[in-house]
Amino acid sequence: MNRSLFLMPALALACGDPAPSPTPEPAVPVGPREVNVYTHRHYDTDKVLFDAFSAKTGITVNVIMADDDEVLERMAQEGVNSPCDVLITADAGRLGLAKSRGLLQASTSKVLQANVPSSLRDPEGYWYGLTMRARVIAYNKEKVEPGSINTYADLTKPQWKGEVLVRSSENVYNQSLLAAMIAHDGPEAAKAWAQGIVKNMARAPQGGDTDQLLALGEGIGTVAIANSYYIGKLMASDEPEKQKAKAIIGVIFPSIGVHGTHVNISGGGVAKHAKHVEEAIALLEFLSSDEAQTGFAEGNKEYPVKPGVAAAKELEAFGSFQRDSLNLEALGRLNADAVKLFDEAGWR
């Protein structure tokens, strides 16, 4: 990825958002009965939900796939001629980039405002969270006492030298975690954290989050930073090569200071030059509904964003947690700062 581009149990979370009012009924648009979705999410769950939306509304969902940042590049190059109606992508930071590059338009929906907590959507309505994940610490239950880690900062202590597994700083998930730290504690504290992790790495960063979990199973390191849905999928897997890790991994929800566990989203927004705006909003509203939120939870082990929808049993087994209530628009706004600090810290 080009770094310069950046570019709970039915969650009893202390999120700071007010209790939702009854959800308004979404309006089903009339007129052209199709919507074009640009996405890099490659999950079968998404296709199932798109098909369910089509069956419910009669609106055909046309999906155009591309790699993460290539989606944004394609939209930018196509400009006013872009057929994209809805952008669906992972990470609030990337959605923030799409907004800053003029690739999205603001949309107003009482349904989305009711279903998506305020900290998980753009304050101006350019994008809305559709699923949530926590950036957690997986640990080897045979070697680590879970009470020894309460914050992300605890991983920088000398006792974890040679024990921490984590992917490259080129990955947007790590960039957003550091951006959240910048937002709360300032750049100096965030840089010090990154430097401390570099000193304690079990190996040079390599692979994705699942690779860090599998390394734990092979006895490489004792703690790993990973997104919760990767661990949920691991726990649901019957694949032989994943059983070692599955047997020994526990989950800790660390806090950024006193602010709670860092969370992020996959989300969507209406494209700037959308030709089917009403259909686009209807799709986003459906994806925030109980039906779709349950589908995301069970199919992809992502936390629902809609309050009151239960998490998958694999995630419920991890326990409840307090999520950071930072509005995720900060992740895009501070991404360039996070990338710079990673470079200065020597986190490759």
Foldseek 3Di string as FASTA:
>chain_A
DPLVCLCAQLFPAPQPFDQFDDADDADQDDDQQEAEEEEADDFPLVVVLQVVLCVVRVRHYHYDHDPQVVSLVVLVVCDLVDQHFKYWYWWLQSLLSCVVSQFFDADDDSNQPRFFTQLQADPRRRKGFLFKKFFWKKFFQVPDDLVQAAALQSCLDPVLALAEAEAFPSDLVVLLVLLVLCVPPNLVVSLVSLLSNVRRHNDAHDDAQLVSLLVCLVVRHGMYTHIPLSLLVLCVDPDPSSVSSNVGIAIHQHQSVPQWTEMTGTIMGTTSNHPCNSVNVSSRSSSSDLVNQQSCQQRRVTHGSGRPRGHDPSRVVNPHIHYGNHRSSSSNVCSVVSVVSSVVSVRD
